[in-house]
PDB file of N, CA and C in Angstrom:
ATOM      1  N   MET A   1      11.385   9.454  -6.524  1.00  0.00           N
ATOM      2  CA  MET A   1      10.147   9.781  -5.847  1.00  0.00           C
ATOM      3  C   MET A   1      10.153   9.148  -4.448  1.00  0.00           C
ATOM      4  N   THR A   2       9.760   9.918  -3.448  1.00  0.00           N
ATOM      5  CA  THR A   2       9.683   9.380  -2.093  1.00  0.00           C
ATOM      6  C   THR A   2       8.232   9.032  -1.779  1.00  0.00           C
ATOM      7  N   LEU A   3       8.038   7.865  -1.216  1.00  0.00           N
ATOM      8  CA  LEU A   3       6.697   7.453  -0.828  1.00  0.00           C
ATOM      9  C   LEU A   3       6.464   7.825   0.626  1.00  0.00           C
ATOM     10  N   LYS A   4       5.244   8.259   0.939  1.00  0.00           N
ATOM     11  CA  LYS A   4       4.920   8.589   2.323  1.00  0.00           C
ATOM     12  C   LYS A   4       4.284   7.406   3.039  1.00  0.00           C
ATOM     13  N   VAL A   5       4.226   6.273   2.333  1.00  0.00           N
ATOM     14  CA  VAL A   5       3.733   5.029   2.936  1.00  0.00           C
ATOM     15  C   VAL A   5       4.836   3.990   2.808  1.00  0.00           C
ATOM     16  N   LYS A   6       4.769   2.963   3.662  1.00  0.00           N
ATOM     17  CA  LYS A   6       5.758   1.902   3.565  1.00  0.00           C
ATOM     18  C   LYS A   6       5.115   0.564   3.878  1.00  0.00           C
ATOM     19  N   ARG A   7       5.902  -0.508   3.726  1.00  0.00           N
ATOM     20  CA  ARG A   7       5.399  -1.857   3.927  1.00  0.00           C
ATOM     21  C   ARG A   7       4.767  -1.999   5.308  1.00  0.00           C
ATOM     22  N   GLU A   8       3.718  -2.810   5.399  1.00  0.00           N
ATOM     23  CA  GLU A   8       2.967  -3.104   6.628  1.00  0.00           C
ATOM     24  C   GLU A   8       1.992  -1.989   7.021  1.00  0.00           C
ATOM     25  N   ASP A   9       1.952  -0.859   6.307  1.00  0.00           N
ATOM     26  CA  ASP A   9       0.959   0.183   6.576  1.00  0.00           C
ATOM     27  C   ASP A   9      -0.404  -0.281   6.085  1.00  0.00           C
ATOM     28  N   ILE A  10      -1.473   0.160   6.754  1.00  0.00           N
ATOM     29  CA  ILE A  10      -2.830  -0.115   6.312  1.00  0.00           C
ATOM     30  C   ILE A  10      -3.303   1.094   5.519  1.00  0.00           C
ATOM     31  N   VAL A  11      -3.781   0.832   4.293  1.00  0.00           N
ATOM     32  CA  VAL A  11      -4.213   1.912   3.414  1.00  0.00           C
ATOM     33  C   VAL A  11      -5.630   1.651   2.908  1.00  0.00           C
ATOM     34  N   GLU A  12      -6.280   2.714   2.408  1.00  0.00           N
ATOM     35  CA  GLU A  12      -7.596   2.602   1.804  1.00  0.00           C
ATOM     36  C   GLU A  12      -7.527   3.171   0.397  1.00  0.00           C
ATOM     37  N   VAL A  13      -8.173   2.494  -0.548  1.00  0.00           N
ATOM     38  CA  VAL A  13      -8.196   2.943  -1.934  1.00  0.00           C
ATOM     39  C   VAL A  13      -9.217   4.068  -2.047  1.00  0.00           C
ATOM     40  N   ILE A  14      -8.832   5.193  -2.670  1.00  0.00           N
ATOM     41  CA  ILE A  14      -9.731   6.350  -2.761  1.00  0.00           C
ATOM     42  C   ILE A  14     -10.286   6.578  -4.156  1.00  0.00           C
ATOM     43  N   SER A  15      -9.797   5.815  -5.156  1.00  0.00           N
ATOM     44  CA  SER A  15     -10.358   5.959  -6.499  1.00  0.00           C
ATOM     45  C   SER A  15     -10.172   4.672  -7.278  1.00  0.00           C
ATOM     46  N   GLY A  16     -11.020   4.493  -8.287  1.00  0.00           N
ATOM     47  CA  GLY A  16     -10.934   3.311  -9.127  1.00  0.00           C
ATOM     48  C   GLY A  16     -11.983   2.271  -8.751  1.00  0.00           C
ATOM     49  N   ALA A  17     -11.880   1.113  -9.368  1.00  0.00           N
ATOM     50  CA  ALA A  17     -12.866   0.051  -9.175  1.00  0.00           C
ATOM     51  C   ALA A  17     -12.848  -0.498  -7.749  1.00  0.00           C
ATOM     52  N   GLU A  18     -11.732  -0.420  -7.068  1.00  0.00           N
ATOM     53  CA  GLU A  18     -11.588  -0.961  -5.716  1.00  0.00           C
ATOM     54  C   GLU A  18     -11.842   0.093  -4.638  1.00  0.00           C
ATOM     55  N   LYS A  19     -12.455   1.214  -4.984  1.00  0.00           N
ATOM     56  CA  LYS A  19     -12.650   2.344  -4.069  1.00  0.00           C
ATOM     57  C   LYS A  19     -13.333   1.918  -2.771  1.00  0.00           C
ATOM     58  N   GLY A  20     -12.761   2.362  -1.632  1.00  0.00           N
ATOM     59  CA  GLY A  20     -13.328   2.065  -0.330  1.00  0.00           C
ATOM     60  C   GLY A  20     -12.758   0.833   0.342  1.00  0.00           C
ATOM     61  N   LYS A  21     -12.019   0.009  -0.390  1.00  0.00           N
ATOM     62  CA  LYS A  21     -11.457  -1.211   0.192  1.00  0.00           C
ATOM     63  C   LYS A  21     -10.152  -0.893   0.921  1.00  0.00           C
ATOM     64  N   LYS A  22      -9.888  -1.681   1.969  1.00  0.00           N
ATOM     65  CA  LYS A  22      -8.698  -1.474   2.787  1.00  0.00           C
ATOM     66  C   LYS A  22      -7.789  -2.692   2.699  1.00  0.00           C
ATOM     67  N   GLY A  23      -6.500  -2.471   2.903  1.00  0.00           N
ATOM     68  CA  GLY A  23      -5.553  -3.576   2.879  1.00  0.00           C
ATOM     69  C   GLY A  23      -4.187  -3.150   3.373  1.00  0.00           C
ATOM     70  N   LYS A  24      -3.319  -4.161   3.564  1.00  0.00           N
ATOM     71  CA  LYS A  24      -1.963  -3.927   4.050  1.00  0.00           C
ATOM     72  C   LYS A  24      -1.011  -3.897   2.862  1.00  0.00           C
ATOM     73  N   ILE A  25      -0.035  -3.012   2.894  1.00  0.00           N
ATOM     74  CA  ILE A  25       0.948  -2.910   1.823  1.00  0.00           C
ATOM     75  C   ILE A  25       1.915  -4.082   1.924  1.00  0.00           C
ATOM     76  N   LEU A  26       2.047  -4.837   0.821  1.00  0.00           N
ATOM     77  CA  LEU A  26       2.965  -5.972   0.782  1.00  0.00           C
ATOM     78  C   LEU A  26       4.336  -5.564   0.262  1.00  0.00           C
ATOM     79  N   LYS A  27       4.348  -4.681  -0.733  1.00  0.00           N
ATOM     80  CA  LYS A  27       5.606  -4.297  -1.367  1.00  0.00           C
ATOM     81  C   LYS A  27       5.466  -2.899  -1.941  1.00  0.00           C
ATOM     82  N   ALA A  28       6.549  -2.132  -1.924  1.00  0.00           N
ATOM     83  CA  ALA A  28       6.544  -0.774  -2.458  1.00  0.00           C
ATOM     84  C   ALA A  28       7.599  -0.634  -3.556  1.00  0.00           C
ATOM     85  N   PHE A  29       7.270   0.146  -4.570  1.00  0.00           N
ATOM     86  CA  PHE A  29       8.174   0.423  -5.682  1.00  0.00           C
ATOM     87  C   PHE A  29       8.337   1.937  -5.801  1.00  0.00           C
ATOM     88  N   PRO A  30       9.231   2.542  -5.004  1.00  0.00           N
ATOM     89  CA  PRO A  30       9.368   4.001  -4.982  1.00  0.00           C
ATOM     90  C   PRO A  30       9.744   4.614  -6.331  1.00  0.00           C
ATOM     91  N   SER A  31      10.566   3.919  -7.118  1.00  0.00           N
ATOM     92  CA  SER A  31      10.993   4.489  -8.402  1.00  0.00           C
ATOM     93  C   SER A  31       9.818   4.602  -9.375  1.00  0.00           C
ATOM     94  N   GLU A  32       8.826   3.698  -9.249  1.00  0.00           N
ATOM     95  CA  GLU A  32       7.653   3.731 -10.120  1.00  0.00           C
ATOM     96  C   GLU A  32       6.489   4.497  -9.501  1.00  0.00           C
ATOM     97  N   GLY A  33       6.536   4.740  -8.185  1.00  0.00           N
ATOM     98  CA  GLY A  33       5.424   5.388  -7.501  1.00  0.00           C
ATOM     99  C   GLY A  33       4.231   4.464  -7.354  1.00  0.00           C
ATOM    100  N   LYS A  34       4.495   3.164  -7.182  1.00  0.00           N
ATOM    101  CA  LYS A  34       3.421   2.177  -7.075  1.00  0.00           C
ATOM    102  C   LYS A  34       3.656   1.266  -5.880  1.00  0.00           C
ATOM    103  N   ILE A  35       2.562   0.628  -5.438  1.00  0.00           N
ATOM    104  CA  ILE A  35       2.634  -0.318  -4.337  1.00  0.00           C
ATOM    105  C   ILE A  35       1.765  -1.531  -4.655  1.00  0.00           C
ATOM    106  N   ILE A  36       1.970  -2.614  -3.915  1.00  0.00           N
ATOM    107  CA  ILE A  36       1.106  -3.783  -4.012  1.00  0.00           C
ATOM    108  C   ILE A  36       0.389  -3.912  -2.678  1.00  0.00           C
ATOM    109  N   VAL A  37      -0.960  -3.944  -2.740  1.00  0.00           N
ATOM    110  CA  VAL A  37      -1.783  -4.028  -1.543  1.00  0.00           C
ATOM    111  C   VAL A  37      -2.379  -5.423  -1.452  1.00  0.00           C
ATOM    112  N   GLU A  38      -2.363  -5.994  -0.258  1.00  0.00           N
ATOM    113  CA  GLU A  38      -2.843  -7.350  -0.020  1.00  0.00           C
ATOM    114  C   GLU A  38      -4.323  -7.491  -0.386  1.00  0.00           C
ATOM    115  N   LYS A  39      -4.633  -8.492  -1.231  1.00  0.00           N
ATOM    116  CA  LYS A  39      -5.994  -8.849  -1.644  1.00  0.00           C
ATOM    117  C   LYS A  39      -6.735  -7.733  -2.380  1.00  0.00           C
ATOM    118  N   LEU A  40      -6.000  -6.838  -3.042  1.00  0.00           N
ATOM    119  CA  LEU A  40      -6.618  -5.782  -3.843  1.00  0.00           C
ATOM    120  C   LEU A  40      -6.020  -5.783  -5.241  1.00  0.00           C
ATOM    121  N   HIS A  41      -6.811  -5.362  -6.217  1.00  0.00           N
ATOM    122  CA  HIS A  41      -6.373  -5.251  -7.608  1.00  0.00           C
ATOM    123  C   HIS A  41      -5.875  -6.622  -8.101  1.00  0.00           C
ATOM    124  N   ILE A  42      -6.741  -7.621  -7.988  1.00  0.00           N
ATOM    125  CA  ILE A  42      -6.402  -9.010  -8.312  1.00  0.00           C
ATOM    126  C   ILE A  42      -6.423  -9.235  -9.823  1.00  0.00           C
ATOM    127  N   GLN A  43      -5.428  -9.954 -10.312  1.00  0.00           N
ATOM    128  CA  GLN A  43      -5.307 -10.301 -11.728  1.00  0.00           C
ATOM    129  C   GLN A  43      -5.243 -11.814 -11.836  1.00  0.00           C
ATOM    130  N   LYS A  44      -5.952 -12.370 -12.822  1.00  0.00           N
ATOM    131  CA  LYS A  44      -5.870 -13.814 -13.069  1.00  0.00           C
ATOM    132  C   LYS A  44      -4.837 -14.058 -14.155  1.00  0.00           C
ATOM    133  N   LYS A  45      -3.900 -14.959 -13.889  1.00  0.00           N
ATOM    134  CA  LYS A  45      -2.845 -15.274 -14.841  1.00  0.00           C
ATOM    135  C   LYS A  45      -2.953 -16.750 -15.199  1.00  0.00           C
ATOM    136  N   HIS A  46      -2.969 -17.031 -16.487  1.00  0.00           N
ATOM    137  CA  HIS A  46      -3.065 -18.402 -16.972  1.00  0.00           C
ATOM    138  C   HIS A  46      -1.659 -18.964 -17.147  1.00  0.00           C
ATOM    139  N   LEU A  47      -1.390 -20.116 -16.529  1.00  0.00           N
ATOM    140  CA  LEU A  47      -0.068 -20.729 -16.597  1.00  0.00           C
ATOM    141  C   LEU A  47      -0.112 -21.982 -17.460  1.00  0.00           C
ATOM    142  N   LYS A  48       0.870 -22.115 -18.344  1.00  0.00           N
ATOM    143  CA  LYS A  48       0.997 -23.327 -19.151  1.00  0.00           C
ATOM    144  C   LYS A  48       1.554 -24.448 -18.284  1.00  0.00           C
ATOM    145  N   PRO A  49       1.264 -25.681 -18.619  1.00  0.00           N
ATOM    146  CA  PRO A  49       1.871 -26.788 -17.886  1.00  0.00           C
ATOM    147  C   PRO A  49       3.390 -26.827 -18.105  1.00  0.00           C
ATOM    148  N   THR A  50       4.126 -27.035 -17.021  1.00  0.00           N
ATOM    149  CA  THR A  50       5.584 -27.143 -17.078  1.00  0.00           C
ATOM    150  C   THR A  50       6.012 -28.362 -16.254  1.00  0.00           C
ATOM    151  N   LYS A  51       7.311 -28.612 -16.188  1.00  0.00           N
ATOM    152  CA  LYS A  51       7.802 -29.710 -15.356  1.00  0.00           C
ATOM    153  C   LYS A  51       7.464 -29.478 -13.887  1.00  0.00           C
ATOM    154  N   ASN A  52       7.677 -28.248 -13.430  1.00  0.00           N
ATOM    155  CA  ASN A  52       7.419 -27.935 -12.026  1.00  0.00           C
ATOM    156  C   ASN A  52       5.927 -27.882 -11.714  1.00  0.00           C
ATOM    157  N   ASN A  53       5.124 -27.465 -12.695  1.00  0.00           N
ATOM    158  CA  ASN A  53       3.684 -27.328 -12.508  1.00  0.00           C
ATOM    159  C   ASN A  53       2.984 -28.091 -13.640  1.00  0.00           C
ATOM    160  N   PRO A  54       2.868 -29.437 -13.540  1.00  0.00           N
ATOM    161  CA  PRO A  54       2.366 -30.242 -14.659  1.00  0.00           C
ATOM    162  C   PRO A  54       0.910 -29.975 -15.029  1.00  0.00           C
ATOM    163  N   LYS A  55       0.127 -29.442 -14.094  1.00  0.00           N
ATOM    164  CA  LYS A  55      -1.278 -29.183 -14.396  1.00  0.00           C
ATOM    165  C   LYS A  55      -1.498 -27.811 -15.060  1.00  0.00           C
ATOM    166  N   GLY A  56      -0.601 -26.869 -14.813  1.00  0.00           N
ATOM    167  CA  GLY A  56      -0.841 -25.512 -15.297  1.00  0.00           C
ATOM    168  C   GLY A  56      -1.933 -24.887 -14.451  1.00  0.00           C
ATOM    169  N   GLY A  57      -2.816 -24.104 -15.072  1.00  0.00           N
ATOM    170  CA  GLY A  57      -3.972 -23.573 -14.346  1.00  0.00           C
ATOM    171  C   GLY A  57      -4.008 -22.064 -14.312  1.00  0.00           C
ATOM    172  N   ILE A  58      -4.895 -21.563 -13.476  1.00  0.00           N
ATOM    173  CA  ILE A  58      -5.110 -20.124 -13.339  1.00  0.00           C
ATOM    174  C   ILE A  58      -4.689 -19.713 -11.934  1.00  0.00           C
ATOM    175  N   VAL A  59      -3.846 -18.677 -11.853  1.00  0.00           N
ATOM    176  CA  VAL A  59      -3.343 -18.175 -10.579  1.00  0.00           C
ATOM    177  C   VAL A  59      -3.807 -16.734 -10.413  1.00  0.00           C
ATOM    178  N   GLU A  60      -4.278 -16.395  -9.221  1.00  0.00           N
ATOM    179  CA  GLU A  60      -4.656 -15.006  -8.933  1.00  0.00           C
ATOM    180  C   GLU A  60      -3.526 -14.339  -8.165  1.00  0.00           C
ATOM    181  N   LYS A  61      -3.162 -13.113  -8.575  1.00  0.00           N
ATOM    182  CA  LYS A  61      -2.120 -12.378  -7.870  1.00  0.00           C
ATOM    183  C   LYS A  61      -2.451 -10.899  -7.852  1.00  0.00           C
ATOM    184  N   GLU A  62      -1.888 -10.200  -6.873  1.00  0.00           N
ATOM    185  CA  GLU A  62      -2.127  -8.773  -6.739  1.00  0.00           C
ATOM    186  C   GLU A  62      -1.310  -7.999  -7.763  1.00  0.00           C
ATOM    187  N   ARG A  63      -1.906  -6.935  -8.312  1.00  0.00           N
ATOM    188  CA  ARG A  63      -1.205  -6.055  -9.242  1.00  0.00           C
ATOM    189  C   ARG A  63      -0.825  -4.764  -8.536  1.00  0.00           C
ATOM    190  N   LYS A  64       0.037  -4.008  -9.182  1.00  0.00           N
ATOM    191  CA  LYS A  64       0.485  -2.739  -8.613  1.00  0.00           C
ATOM    192  C   LYS A  64      -0.632  -1.698  -8.673  1.00  0.00           C
ATOM    193  N   VAL A  65      -0.662  -0.841  -7.644  1.00  0.00           N
ATOM    194  CA  VAL A  65      -1.619   0.258  -7.562  1.00  0.00           C
ATOM    195  C   VAL A  65      -0.814   1.541  -7.458  1.00  0.00           C
ATOM    196  N   ASP A  66      -1.250   2.591  -8.150  1.00  0.00           N
ATOM    197  CA  ASP A  66      -0.551   3.866  -8.071  1.00  0.00           C
ATOM    198  C   ASP A  66      -0.746   4.478  -6.687  1.00  0.00           C
ATOM    199  N   VAL A  67       0.302   5.113  -6.168  1.00  0.00           N
ATOM    200  CA  VAL A  67       0.259   5.685  -4.829  1.00  0.00           C
ATOM    201  C   VAL A  67      -0.762   6.811  -4.731  1.00  0.00           C
ATOM    202  N   SER A  68      -1.037   7.489  -5.843  1.00  0.00           N
ATOM    203  CA  SER A  68      -2.003   8.585  -5.818  1.00  0.00           C
ATOM    204  C   SER A  68      -3.421   8.094  -5.587  1.00  0.00           C
ATOM    205  N   ASN A  69      -3.667   6.791  -5.748  1.00  0.00           N
ATOM    206  CA  ASN A  69      -5.008   6.238  -5.576  1.00  0.00           C
ATOM    207  C   ASN A  69      -5.260   5.661  -4.187  1.00  0.00           C
ATOM    208  N   ILE A  70      -4.330   5.836  -3.269  1.00  0.00           N
ATOM    209  CA  ILE A  70      -4.501   5.304  -1.918  1.00  0.00           C
ATOM    210  C   ILE A  70      -4.239   6.396  -0.882  1.00  0.00           C
ATOM    211  N   MET A  71      -4.795   6.187   0.327  1.00  0.00           N
ATOM    212  CA  MET A  71      -4.510   7.068   1.462  1.00  0.00           C
ATOM    213  C   MET A  71      -4.214   6.215   2.679  1.00  0.00           C
ATOM    214  N   LEU A  72      -3.308   6.685   3.487  1.00  0.00           N
ATOM    215  CA  LEU A  72      -2.916   5.987   4.701  1.00  0.00           C
ATOM    216  C   LEU A  72      -4.027   6.074   5.738  1.00  0.00           C
ATOM    217  N   LEU A  73      -4.267   4.980   6.457  1.00  0.00           N
ATOM    218  CA  LEU A  73      -5.191   4.995   7.593  1.00  0.00           C
ATOM    219  C   LEU A  73      -4.361   5.177   8.856  1.00  0.00           C
ATOM    220  N   CYS A  74      -4.667   6.229   9.599  1.00  0.00           N
ATOM    221  CA  CYS A  74      -3.920   6.521  10.829  1.00  0.00           C
ATOM    222  C   CYS A  74      -4.258   5.471  11.879  1.00  0.00           C
ATOM    223  N   PRO A  75      -3.245   4.846  12.503  1.00  0.00           N
ATOM    224  CA  PRO A  75      -3.519   3.834  13.522  1.00  0.00           C
ATOM    225  C   PRO A  75      -4.134   4.421  14.801  1.00  0.00           C
ATOM    226  N   LYS A  76      -3.938   5.712  15.053  1.00  0.00           N
ATOM    227  CA  LYS A  76      -4.454   6.333  16.278  1.00  0.00           C
ATOM    228  C   LYS A  76      -5.907   6.788  16.120  1.00  0.00           C
ATOM    229  N   CYS A  77      -6.199   7.556  15.049  1.00  0.00           N
ATOM    230  CA  CYS A  77      -7.554   8.109  14.886  1.00  0.00           C
ATOM    231  C   CYS A  77      -8.406   7.305  13.904  1.00  0.00           C
ATOM    232  N   ASN A  78      -7.859   6.259  13.286  1.00  0.00           N
ATOM    233  CA  ASN A  78      -8.571   5.375  12.354  1.00  0.00           C
ATOM    234  C   ASN A  78      -9.292   6.125  11.233  1.00  0.00           C
ATOM    235  N   ALA A  79      -8.649   7.162  10.709  1.00  0.00           N
ATOM    236  CA  ALA A  79      -9.224   7.940   9.614  1.00  0.00           C
ATOM    237  C   ALA A  79      -8.232   8.012   8.473  1.00  0.00           C
ATOM    238  N   LYS A  80      -8.769   8.214   7.244  1.00  0.00           N
ATOM    239  CA  LYS A  80      -7.868   8.439   6.108  1.00  0.00           C
ATOM    240  C   LYS A  80      -7.190   9.770   6.342  1.00  0.00           C
ATOM    241  N   THR A  81      -5.900   9.803   6.118  1.00  0.00           N
ATOM    242  CA  THR A  81      -5.174  11.032   6.417  1.00  0.00           C
ATOM    243  C   THR A  81      -4.023  11.252   5.463  1.00  0.00           C
ATOM    244  N   ARG A  82      -3.633  12.497   5.356  1.00  0.00           N
ATOM    245  CA  ARG A  82      -2.407  12.818   4.641  1.00  0.00           C
ATOM    246  C   ARG A  82      -1.258  12.654   5.627  1.00  0.00           C
ATOM    247  N   VAL A  83      -0.054  12.562   5.090  1.00  0.00           N
ATOM    248  CA  VAL A  83       1.114  12.303   5.933  1.00  0.00           C
ATOM    249  C   VAL A  83       2.052  13.498   5.877  1.00  0.00           C
ATOM    250  N   GLY A  84       2.490  13.938   7.058  1.00  0.00           N
ATOM    251  CA  GLY A  84       3.487  14.987   7.148  1.00  0.00           C
ATOM    252  C   GLY A  84       4.737  14.422   7.787  1.00  0.00           C
ATOM    253  N   PHE A  85       5.782  15.222   7.810  1.00  0.00           N
ATOM    254  CA  PHE A  85       7.022  14.797   8.445  1.00  0.00           C
ATOM    255  C   PHE A  85       7.401  15.792   9.527  1.00  0.00           C
ATOM    256  N   LYS A  86       8.060  15.283  10.559  1.00  0.00           N
ATOM    257  CA  LYS A  86       8.444  16.115  11.688  1.00  0.00           C
ATOM    258  C   LYS A  86       9.788  15.612  12.195  1.00  0.00           C
ATOM    259  N   THR A  87      10.655  16.514  12.575  1.00  0.00           N
ATOM    260  CA  THR A  87      11.949  16.136  13.134  1.00  0.00           C
ATOM    261  C   THR A  87      11.862  16.237  14.651  1.00  0.00           C
ATOM    262  N   LEU A  88      12.162  15.154  15.331  1.00  0.00           N
ATOM    263  CA  LEU A  88      12.126  15.142  16.796  1.00  0.00           C
ATOM    264  C   LEU A  88      13.372  15.805  17.357  1.00  0.00           C
ATOM    265  N   GLU A  89      13.371  16.044  18.675  1.00  0.00           N
ATOM    266  CA  GLU A  89      14.497  16.721  19.321  1.00  0.00           C
ATOM    267  C   GLU A  89      15.796  15.937  19.210  1.00  0.00           C
ATOM    268  N   ASP A  90      15.690  14.591  19.153  1.00  0.00           N
ATOM    269  CA  ASP A  90      16.906  13.777  19.049  1.00  0.00           C
ATOM    270  C   ASP A  90      17.396  13.652  17.604  1.00  0.00           C
ATOM    271  N   GLY A  91      16.730  14.318  16.652  1.00  0.00           N
ATOM    272  CA  GLY A  91      17.180  14.326  15.264  1.00  0.00           C
ATOM    273  C   GLY A  91      16.511  13.315  14.364  1.00  0.00           C
ATOM    274  N   ASP A  92      15.621  12.488  14.906  1.00  0.00           N
ATOM    275  CA  ASP A  92      14.925  11.501  14.080  1.00  0.00           C
ATOM    276  C   ASP A  92      13.799  12.159  13.289  1.00  0.00           C
ATOM    277  N   LYS A  93      13.675  11.764  12.016  1.00  0.00           N
ATOM    278  CA  LYS A  93      12.601  12.263  11.161  1.00  0.00           C
ATOM    279  C   LYS A  93      11.488  11.217  11.167  1.00  0.00           C
ATOM    280  N   VAL A  94      10.282  11.607  11.582  1.00  0.00           N
ATOM    281  CA  VAL A  94       9.164  10.667  11.696  1.00  0.00           C
ATOM    282  C   VAL A  94       7.974  11.153  10.875  1.00  0.00           C
ATOM    283  N   ARG A  95       7.096  10.192  10.529  1.00  0.00           N
ATOM    284  CA  ARG A  95       5.860  10.529   9.830  1.00  0.00           C
ATOM    285  C   ARG A  95       4.800  10.937  10.851  1.00  0.00           C
ATOM    286  N   VAL A  96       3.955  11.912  10.466  1.00  0.00           N
ATOM    287  CA  VAL A  96       2.954  12.448  11.378  1.00  0.00           C
ATOM    288  C   VAL A  96       1.603  12.484  10.662  1.00  0.00           C
ATOM    289  N   CYS A  97       0.532  12.112  11.390  1.00  0.00           N
ATOM    290  CA  CYS A  97      -0.832  12.205  10.874  1.00  0.00           C
ATOM    291  C   CYS A  97      -1.230  13.672  10.834  1.00  0.00           C
ATOM    292  N   LYS A  98      -1.758  14.150   9.700  1.00  0.00           N
ATOM    293  CA  LYS A  98      -2.135  15.554   9.564  1.00  0.00           C
ATOM    294  C   LYS A  98      -3.429  15.874  10.307  1.00  0.00           C
ATOM    295  N   LYS A  99      -4.236  14.848  10.659  1.00  0.00           N
ATOM    296  CA  LYS A  99      -5.494  15.099  11.353  1.00  0.00           C
ATOM    297  C   LYS A  99      -5.300  15.204  12.864  1.00  0.00           C
ATOM    298  N   CYS A 100      -4.607  14.215  13.450  1.00  0.00           N
ATOM    299  CA  CYS A 100      -4.482  14.197  14.921  1.00  0.00           C
ATOM    300  C   CYS A 100      -3.080  14.580  15.399  1.00  0.00           C
ATOM    301  N   ASN A 101      -2.175  14.857  14.492  1.00  0.00           N
ATOM    302  CA  ASN A 101      -0.785  15.234  14.787  1.00  0.00           C
ATOM    303  C   ASN A 101      -0.040  14.204  15.637  1.00  0.00           C
ATOM    304  N   GLU A 102      -0.438  12.932  15.552  1.00  0.00           N
ATOM    305  CA  GLU A 102       0.248  11.857  16.262  1.00  0.00           C
ATOM    306  C   GLU A 102       1.332  11.255  15.378  1.00  0.00           C
ATOM    307  N   VAL A 103       2.395  10.750  15.984  1.00  0.00           N
ATOM    308  CA  VAL A 103       3.484  10.114  15.253  1.00  0.00           C
ATOM    309  C   VAL A 103       3.012   8.749  14.765  1.00  0.00           C
ATOM    310  N   ILE A 104       3.232   8.461  13.488  1.00  0.00           N
ATOM    311  CA  ILE A 104       2.791   7.200  12.887  1.00  0.00           C
ATOM    312  C   ILE A 104       3.845   6.113  13.088  1.00  0.00           C
ATOM    313  N   ASP A 105       5.117   6.434  12.937  1.00  0.00           N
ATOM    314  CA  ASP A 105       6.184   5.436  13.054  1.00  0.00           C
ATOM    315  C   ASP A 105       6.395   4.986  14.475  1.00  0.00           C
TER     316      ASP A 105
END
């Protein structure tokens, strides 16, 4: 599966409990069709005390979000948009905003 978003892109969640929230992509998993978005879809994990972490405790971390539940925010028009692809004259393949037809990459 090819993702139309990549790391460092700003995205907005379009469905689910986090709907309407925005964040930056930290990591992408193309084979699973999922991404991790900064400060979204937070999970609390309880850690047992170990040698390295003698106190143990509760740690919050981001969980994976399905790509179908997010949309890219265009840096030029600042709107949620679908992503298209375009081949430039020099042969480079770039991502394009479907609303304003500006190059995203």
